[in-house]
Amino acid sequence: MHLILAAILCSLQFAAAWWAQPQKDIPIGVAIHSCTQKDVVALTFDDGPFHYTDLLLDLLSEAGFTATFFVNGKNWANIQDYRSTIIRMVKEGHQVASHTYSHPNLANLDEASVKLEMTKLEDEFIKILGKFPIYMRPPYLSHNSQTLKVLGELGYHVIDTDIDTLDWQHNTPHAVGQSLDLFSNRLWNGGSIVLMHDIHRNTVMNLVPLVIKRLLQSGKRGEFSSYYL
């Protein structure tokens, strides 16, 4: 089976994802853990942009793949220092999504602080792209009912994962096999939303090429449609 890797979380159209308007049949303020369409896989990367993000974009371009980037405003770097990288993501067909402004644990914040984390990053997106996304992932995958309430009021689709590679934990060349095993085992068991981090050189240089190779071998597919979440 031919593989076309799913972009934008089970291949939701990127343009449709930008504007703050409801997406048909895709819930807001509810954590989404997987794609509902069989054999569709989405690559997602958290915590950037950073030094290795452009190299990752090169690798994805060479493979003909697209991905979702959950970015911060000021975490490992300042998003304004990577304006060209964010613009490149969009031009090359990737989805850019929110990971909050400063990467706090949202479950520990009050409603006003959760809202501020989201709206501050919206402002940064507007400075770069003239608009902001309505997809987000909570830092540390951590949220509670209050968090989801605020995110729902702001109109956000909340994306979790069902294939966590734990690449931040296995962040050395000799440990990359452990992340690959986590990816492979969960992929074979029906996983569909893959979590990695473009802030780690080991992930970009060592894990991503192996993940791409494994996906090509798997026969998993992604199609550009809005019906797979």
C-alpha atoms as a PDB file:
ATOM      1  CA  MET A   1       0.000   0.000   0.000  1.00  0.00           C
ATOM      2  CA  HIS A   2       1.371   3.389  -0.967  1.00  0.00           C
ATOM      3  CA  LEU A   3       2.021   5.804   1.898  1.00  0.00           C
ATOM      4  CA  ILE A   4       1.274   9.490   1.796  1.00  0.00           C
ATOM      5  CA  LEU A   5       2.017  10.681   5.311  1.00  0.00           C
ATOM      6  CA  ALA A   6      -0.831  12.546   6.980  1.00  0.00           C
ATOM      7  CA  ALA A   7      -0.295  16.189   7.726  1.00  0.00           C
ATOM      8  CA  ILE A   8      -2.222  18.357  10.108  1.00  0.00           C
ATOM      9  CA  LEU A   9      -3.580  15.770  12.447  1.00  0.00           C
ATOM     10  CA  CYS A  10      -5.064  13.123  10.210  1.00  0.00           C
ATOM     11  CA  SER A  11      -4.889  15.455   7.244  1.00  0.00           C
ATOM     12  CA  LEU A  12      -7.224  18.262   8.098  1.00  0.00           C
ATOM     13  CA  GLN A  13      -6.833  20.930   5.450  1.00  0.00           C
ATOM     14  CA  PHE A  14      -4.269  23.468   6.638  1.00  0.00           C
ATOM     15  CA  ALA A  15      -6.097  26.527   5.352  1.00  0.00           C
ATOM     16  CA  ALA A  16      -9.283  25.502   7.114  1.00  0.00           C
ATOM     17  CA  ALA A  17      -7.371  25.080  10.357  1.00  0.00           C
ATOM     18  CA  TRP A  18      -6.173  28.678  10.474  1.00  0.00           C
ATOM     19  CA  TRP A  19      -9.291  30.732  10.949  1.00  0.00           C
ATOM     20  CA  ALA A  20     -11.069  30.834  14.271  1.00  0.00           C
ATOM     21  CA  GLN A  21     -14.233  29.232  13.001  1.00  0.00           C
ATOM     22  CA  PRO A  22     -15.844  25.884  13.947  1.00  0.00           C
ATOM     23  CA  GLN A  23     -14.657  22.792  12.103  1.00  0.00           C
ATOM     24  CA  LYS A  24     -17.499  20.432  11.267  1.00  0.00           C
ATOM     25  CA  ASP A  25     -17.615  17.297  13.429  1.00  0.00           C
ATOM     26  CA  ILE A  26     -14.337  18.130  15.205  1.00  0.00           C
ATOM     27  CA  PRO A  27     -14.996  18.917  18.870  1.00  0.00           C
ATOM     28  CA  ILE A  28     -13.579  21.954  20.626  1.00  0.00           C
ATOM     29  CA  GLY A  29     -12.441  21.905  24.240  1.00  0.00           C
ATOM     30  CA  VAL A  30     -12.184  18.102  24.162  1.00  0.00           C
ATOM     31  CA  ALA A  31      -8.912  16.155  24.130  1.00  0.00           C
ATOM     32  CA  ILE A  32      -8.523  14.208  20.878  1.00  0.00           C
ATOM     33  CA  HIS A  33      -6.182  11.239  21.273  1.00  0.00           C
ATOM     34  CA  SER A  34      -6.221   9.528  17.889  1.00  0.00           C
ATOM     35  CA  CYS A  35      -7.373   9.561  14.303  1.00  0.00           C
ATOM     36  CA  THR A  36     -10.582   7.687  13.648  1.00  0.00           C
ATOM     37  CA  GLN A  37      -9.685   6.626  10.117  1.00  0.00           C
ATOM     38  CA  LYS A  38      -7.782   3.344   9.913  1.00  0.00           C
ATOM     39  CA  ASP A  39      -4.215   3.477   8.584  1.00  0.00           C
ATOM     40  CA  VAL A  40      -3.894   7.257   8.850  1.00  0.00           C
ATOM     41  CA  VAL A  41      -0.858   8.552  10.758  1.00  0.00           C
ATOM     42  CA  ALA A  42       0.136  12.104  11.718  1.00  0.00           C
ATOM     43  CA  LEU A  43       3.631  13.235  12.688  1.00  0.00           C
ATOM     44  CA  THR A  44       3.654  15.997  15.318  1.00  0.00           C
ATOM     45  CA  PHE A  45       6.544  17.925  16.859  1.00  0.00           C
ATOM     46  CA  ASP A  46       6.427  19.978  20.072  1.00  0.00           C
ATOM     47  CA  ASP A  47       8.358  22.812  21.762  1.00  0.00           C
ATOM     48  CA  GLY A  48      10.008  24.494  18.788  1.00  0.00           C
ATOM     49  CA  PRO A  49      11.002  26.323  16.804  1.00  0.00           C
ATOM     50  CA  PHE A  50      14.666  25.772  17.602  1.00  0.00           C
ATOM     51  CA  HIS A  51      18.084  25.210  16.025  1.00  0.00           C
ATOM     52  CA  TYR A  52      17.146  21.881  14.435  1.00  0.00           C
ATOM     53  CA  THR A  53      13.718  22.750  13.055  1.00  0.00           C
ATOM     54  CA  ASP A  54      14.935  23.823   9.622  1.00  0.00           C
ATOM     55  CA  LEU A  55      16.971  20.637   9.322  1.00  0.00           C
ATOM     56  CA  LEU A  56      13.835  18.673  10.175  1.00  0.00           C
ATOM     57  CA  LEU A  57      11.959  20.556   7.476  1.00  0.00           C
ATOM     58  CA  ASP A  58      14.688  19.542   5.024  1.00  0.00           C
ATOM     59  CA  LEU A  59      14.265  15.874   5.978  1.00  0.00           C
ATOM     60  CA  LEU A  60      10.498  16.021   5.662  1.00  0.00           C
ATOM     61  CA  SER A  61      10.763  17.747   2.301  1.00  0.00           C
ATOM     62  CA  GLU A  62      13.157  15.117   0.988  1.00  0.00           C
ATOM     63  CA  ALA A  63      10.755  12.376   2.070  1.00  0.00           C
ATOM     64  CA  GLY A  64       7.723  14.180   0.694  1.00  0.00           C
ATOM     65  CA  PHE A  65       6.092  14.231   4.127  1.00  0.00           C
ATOM     66  CA  THR A  66       4.307  16.941   6.062  1.00  0.00           C
ATOM     67  CA  ALA A  67       3.777  17.337   9.798  1.00  0.00           C
ATOM     68  CA  THR A  68       2.154  19.390  12.538  1.00  0.00           C
ATOM     69  CA  PHE A  69       4.343  21.711  14.613  1.00  0.00           C
ATOM     70  CA  PHE A  70       3.028  22.681  18.050  1.00  0.00           C
ATOM     71  CA  VAL A  71       5.118  25.762  18.721  1.00  0.00           C
ATOM     72  CA  ASN A  72       5.759  28.031  21.698  1.00  0.00           C
ATOM     73  CA  GLY A  73       6.201  31.782  21.800  1.00  0.00           C
ATOM     74  CA  LYS A  74       9.114  31.771  24.208  1.00  0.00           C
ATOM     75  CA  ASN A  75      10.457  28.452  25.452  1.00  0.00           C
ATOM     76  CA  TRP A  76      13.723  27.106  24.059  1.00  0.00           C
ATOM     77  CA  ALA A  77      13.792  30.137  21.776  1.00  0.00           C
ATOM     78  CA  ASN A  78      11.783  33.229  20.909  1.00  0.00           C
ATOM     79  CA  ILE A  79       9.374  32.585  18.049  1.00  0.00           C
ATOM     80  CA  GLN A  80      10.140  36.000  16.548  1.00  0.00           C
ATOM     81  CA  ASP A  81      13.737  34.888  16.000  1.00  0.00           C
ATOM     82  CA  TYR A  82      12.388  32.078  13.803  1.00  0.00           C
ATOM     83  CA  ARG A  83       9.926  34.021  11.687  1.00  0.00           C
ATOM     84  CA  SER A  84      11.388  32.595   8.489  1.00  0.00           C
ATOM     85  CA  THR A  85      11.062  29.051   9.852  1.00  0.00           C
ATOM     86  CA  ILE A  86       7.388  29.520  10.723  1.00  0.00           C
ATOM     87  CA  ILE A  87       6.708  31.019   7.300  1.00  0.00           C
ATOM     88  CA  ARG A  88       8.580  28.140   5.673  1.00  0.00           C
ATOM     89  CA  MET A  89       6.419  25.611   7.542  1.00  0.00           C
ATOM     90  CA  VAL A  90       3.301  27.137   6.052  1.00  0.00           C
ATOM     91  CA  LYS A  91       4.750  27.461   2.543  1.00  0.00           C
ATOM     92  CA  GLU A  92       5.807  23.800   2.548  1.00  0.00           C
ATOM     93  CA  GLY A  93       2.363  22.576   3.552  1.00  0.00           C
ATOM     94  CA  HIS A  94       2.866  21.841   7.228  1.00  0.00           C
ATOM     95  CA  GLN A  95       0.410  22.745   9.958  1.00  0.00           C
ATOM     96  CA  VAL A  96       1.494  25.245  12.597  1.00  0.00           C
ATOM     97  CA  ALA A  97      -0.406  24.945  15.879  1.00  0.00           C
ATOM     98  CA  SER A  98      -0.266  26.337  19.412  1.00  0.00           C
ATOM     99  CA  HIS A  99       1.657  24.858  22.330  1.00  0.00           C
ATOM    100  CA  THR A 100       1.066  27.949  24.539  1.00  0.00           C
ATOM    101  CA  TYR A 101       3.306  30.987  24.827  1.00  0.00           C
ATOM    102  CA  SER A 102       5.745  29.862  27.548  1.00  0.00           C
ATOM    103  CA  HIS A 103       5.089  26.109  28.026  1.00  0.00           C
ATOM    104  CA  PRO A 104       3.542  26.045  31.527  1.00  0.00           C
ATOM    105  CA  ASN A 105       1.547  23.188  33.001  1.00  0.00           C
ATOM    106  CA  LEU A 106      -1.941  24.456  32.207  1.00  0.00           C
ATOM    107  CA  ALA A 107      -3.511  22.267  34.883  1.00  0.00           C
ATOM    108  CA  ASN A 108      -1.728  24.412  37.482  1.00  0.00           C
ATOM    109  CA  LEU A 109      -3.032  27.737  36.149  1.00  0.00           C
ATOM    110  CA  ASP A 110      -6.240  29.624  36.808  1.00  0.00           C
ATOM    111  CA  GLU A 111      -8.615  30.435  33.964  1.00  0.00           C
ATOM    112  CA  ALA A 112      -7.218  33.907  33.323  1.00  0.00           C
ATOM    113  CA  SER A 113      -3.657  32.589  33.093  1.00  0.00           C
ATOM    114  CA  VAL A 114      -4.632  29.803  30.683  1.00  0.00           C
ATOM    115  CA  LYS A 115      -6.346  32.351  28.462  1.00  0.00           C
ATOM    116  CA  LEU A 116      -3.323  34.657  28.599  1.00  0.00           C
ATOM    117  CA  GLU A 117      -0.970  31.846  27.546  1.00  0.00           C
ATOM    118  CA  MET A 118      -3.109  31.230  24.476  1.00  0.00           C
ATOM    119  CA  THR A 119      -3.816  34.818  23.484  1.00  0.00           C
ATOM    120  CA  LYS A 120      -0.187  35.927  23.874  1.00  0.00           C
ATOM    121  CA  LEU A 121       0.833  33.289  21.344  1.00  0.00           C
ATOM    122  CA  GLU A 122      -2.065  34.259  19.087  1.00  0.00           C
ATOM    123  CA  ASP A 123      -0.594  37.762  19.011  1.00  0.00           C
ATOM    124  CA  GLU A 124       2.816  36.370  18.027  1.00  0.00           C
ATOM    125  CA  PHE A 125       1.270  34.331  15.203  1.00  0.00           C
ATOM    126  CA  ILE A 126      -0.535  37.408  13.927  1.00  0.00           C
ATOM    127  CA  LYS A 127       2.757  39.339  13.831  1.00  0.00           C
ATOM    128  CA  ILE A 128       4.314  36.619  11.670  1.00  0.00           C
ATOM    129  CA  LEU A 129       1.452  35.240   9.588  1.00  0.00           C
ATOM    130  CA  GLY A 130      -1.420  37.651   9.990  1.00  0.00           C
ATOM    131  CA  LYS A 131      -3.595  34.951  11.584  1.00  0.00           C
ATOM    132  CA  PHE A 132      -3.486  32.249  14.220  1.00  0.00           C
ATOM    133  CA  PRO A 133      -4.361  28.532  14.413  1.00  0.00           C
ATOM    134  CA  ILE A 134      -7.267  26.951  16.282  1.00  0.00           C
ATOM    135  CA  TYR A 135      -5.448  23.695  17.057  1.00  0.00           C
ATOM    136  CA  MET A 136      -3.323  23.286  20.182  1.00  0.00           C
ATOM    137  CA  ARG A 137      -1.588  20.746  22.394  1.00  0.00           C
ATOM    138  CA  PRO A 138      -1.215  21.340  26.157  1.00  0.00           C
ATOM    139  CA  PRO A 139       2.390  21.253  27.414  1.00  0.00           C
ATOM    140  CA  TYR A 140       3.222  17.987  29.181  1.00  0.00           C
ATOM    141  CA  LEU A 141      -0.121  16.731  27.778  1.00  0.00           C
ATOM    142  CA  SER A 142      -1.501  18.115  31.037  1.00  0.00           C
ATOM    143  CA  HIS A 143      -4.978  19.571  31.394  1.00  0.00           C
ATOM    144  CA  ASN A 144      -8.055  19.429  33.601  1.00  0.00           C
ATOM    145  CA  SER A 145     -11.723  20.313  33.227  1.00  0.00           C
ATOM    146  CA  GLN A 146     -11.015  24.002  33.799  1.00  0.00           C
ATOM    147  CA  THR A 147      -8.286  23.987  31.141  1.00  0.00           C
ATOM    148  CA  LEU A 148     -10.566  22.376  28.585  1.00  0.00           C
ATOM    149  CA  LYS A 149     -13.362  24.802  29.451  1.00  0.00           C
ATOM    150  CA  VAL A 150     -11.164  27.804  28.679  1.00  0.00           C
ATOM    151  CA  LEU A 151      -9.755  26.237  25.518  1.00  0.00           C
ATOM    152  CA  GLY A 152     -13.268  25.443  24.367  1.00  0.00           C
ATOM    153  CA  GLU A 153     -14.387  29.015  24.988  1.00  0.00           C
ATOM    154  CA  LEU A 154     -11.447  30.188  22.881  1.00  0.00           C
ATOM    155  CA  GLY A 155     -12.473  27.798  20.099  1.00  0.00           C
ATOM    156  CA  TYR A 156      -9.505  25.427  20.237  1.00  0.00           C
ATOM    157  CA  HIS A 157      -9.331  21.811  19.108  1.00  0.00           C
ATOM    158  CA  VAL A 158      -7.153  20.073  21.726  1.00  0.00           C
ATOM    159  CA  ILE A 159      -4.822  17.419  20.325  1.00  0.00           C
ATOM    160  CA  ASP A 160      -3.230  14.729  22.490  1.00  0.00           C
ATOM    161  CA  THR A 161      -1.298  11.688  21.240  1.00  0.00           C
ATOM    162  CA  ASP A 162      -1.463   7.923  21.192  1.00  0.00           C
ATOM    163  CA  ILE A 163       2.162   7.324  20.115  1.00  0.00           C
ATOM    164  CA  ASP A 164       4.487   9.097  22.537  1.00  0.00           C
ATOM    165  CA  THR A 165       8.074   8.278  21.562  1.00  0.00           C
ATOM    166  CA  LEU A 166       9.457   9.720  24.822  1.00  0.00           C
ATOM    167  CA  ASP A 167      12.290  11.091  22.712  1.00  0.00           C
ATOM    168  CA  TRP A 168      13.097  13.660  25.403  1.00  0.00           C
ATOM    169  CA  GLN A 169      13.854  10.770  27.765  1.00  0.00           C
ATOM    170  CA  HIS A 170      15.800   8.659  25.255  1.00  0.00           C
ATOM    171  CA  ASN A 171      17.784  11.627  24.020  1.00  0.00           C
ATOM    172  CA  THR A 172      21.085  10.000  23.044  1.00  0.00           C
ATOM    173  CA  PRO A 173      22.139   8.095  19.912  1.00  0.00           C
ATOM    174  CA  HIS A 174      22.488   4.797  21.776  1.00  0.00           C
ATOM    175  CA  ALA A 175      18.972   5.155  23.245  1.00  0.00           C
ATOM    176  CA  VAL A 176      17.172   6.084  20.034  1.00  0.00           C
ATOM    177  CA  GLY A 177      16.176   2.447  19.565  1.00  0.00           C
ATOM    178  CA  GLN A 178      13.981   2.686  22.652  1.00  0.00           C
ATOM    179  CA  SER A 179      12.004   5.548  21.132  1.00  0.00           C
ATOM    180  CA  LEU A 180      11.766   3.669  17.849  1.00  0.00           C
ATOM    181  CA  ASP A 181      10.446   0.597  19.681  1.00  0.00           C
ATOM    182  CA  LEU A 182       7.793   2.703  21.416  1.00  0.00           C
ATOM    183  CA  PHE A 183       6.798   4.143  18.068  1.00  0.00           C
ATOM    184  CA  SER A 184       6.699   0.779  16.308  1.00  0.00           C
ATOM    185  CA  ASN A 185       4.821  -1.085  19.029  1.00  0.00           C
ATOM    186  CA  ARG A 186       2.118   1.549  19.304  1.00  0.00           C
ATOM    187  CA  LEU A 187       1.891   1.944  15.546  1.00  0.00           C
ATOM    188  CA  TRP A 188       1.205  -1.773  15.127  1.00  0.00           C
ATOM    189  CA  ASN A 189      -1.444  -1.524  17.859  1.00  0.00           C
ATOM    190  CA  GLY A 190      -3.398   1.133  16.026  1.00  0.00           C
ATOM    191  CA  GLY A 191      -1.666   4.342  17.117  1.00  0.00           C
ATOM    192  CA  SER A 192      -2.030   7.287  14.796  1.00  0.00           C
ATOM    193  CA  ILE A 193      -0.766  10.589  16.303  1.00  0.00           C
ATOM    194  CA  VAL A 194       3.008  10.504  16.834  1.00  0.00           C
ATOM    195  CA  LEU A 195       4.668  12.844  19.358  1.00  0.00           C
ATOM    196  CA  MET A 196       8.293  13.952  18.975  1.00  0.00           C
ATOM    197  CA  HIS A 197      10.256  17.141  19.718  1.00  0.00           C
ATOM    198  CA  ASP A 198      12.149  19.202  17.140  1.00  0.00           C
ATOM    199  CA  ILE A 199      14.237  20.827  19.900  1.00  0.00           C
ATOM    200  CA  HIS A 200      16.412  17.698  20.214  1.00  0.00           C
ATOM    201  CA  ARG A 201      19.250  17.081  17.768  1.00  0.00           C
ATOM    202  CA  ASN A 202      19.058  13.355  18.455  1.00  0.00           C
ATOM    203  CA  THR A 203      15.404  13.290  17.449  1.00  0.00           C
ATOM    204  CA  VAL A 204      15.972  15.138  14.196  1.00  0.00           C
ATOM    205  CA  MET A 205      19.227  13.448  13.181  1.00  0.00           C
ATOM    206  CA  ASN A 206      18.612   9.900  14.391  1.00  0.00           C
ATOM    207  CA  LEU A 207      14.995   9.169  15.292  1.00  0.00           C
ATOM    208  CA  VAL A 208      13.076  10.916  12.519  1.00  0.00           C
ATOM    209  CA  PRO A 209      14.859   9.107   9.643  1.00  0.00           C
ATOM    210  CA  LEU A 210      14.085   5.773  11.327  1.00  0.00           C
ATOM    211  CA  VAL A 211      10.455   6.736  11.892  1.00  0.00           C
ATOM    212  CA  ILE A 212      10.087   7.746   8.252  1.00  0.00           C
ATOM    213  CA  LYS A 213      11.610   4.460   7.126  1.00  0.00           C
ATOM    214  CA  ARG A 214       9.330   2.458   9.415  1.00  0.00           C
ATOM    215  CA  LEU A 215       6.263   4.318   8.175  1.00  0.00           C
ATOM    216  CA  LEU A 216       7.174   3.616   4.583  1.00  0.00           C
ATOM    217  CA  GLN A 217       7.427  -0.056   5.463  1.00  0.00           C
ATOM    218  CA  SER A 218       4.117  -0.080   7.339  1.00  0.00           C
ATOM    219  CA  GLY A 219       1.733   0.769   4.536  1.00  0.00           C
ATOM    220  CA  LYS A 220       0.093   3.426   6.668  1.00  0.00           C
ATOM    221  CA  ARG A 221      -1.480   6.237   4.730  1.00  0.00           C
ATOM    222  CA  GLY A 222      -2.734   9.769   5.032  1.00  0.00           C
ATOM    223  CA  GLU A 223      -5.117  11.580   2.718  1.00  0.00           C
ATOM    224  CA  PHE A 224      -5.846  15.288   2.541  1.00  0.00           C
ATOM    225  CA  SER A 225      -9.401  15.235   3.818  1.00  0.00           C
ATOM    226  CA  SER A 226     -11.272  16.768   6.726  1.00  0.00           C
ATOM    227  CA  TYR A 227     -12.990  13.598   7.820  1.00  0.00           C
ATOM    228  CA  TYR A 228     -10.339  11.654   9.700  1.00  0.00           C
ATOM    229  CA  LEU A 229     -10.485  12.997  13.237  1.00  0.00           C
END
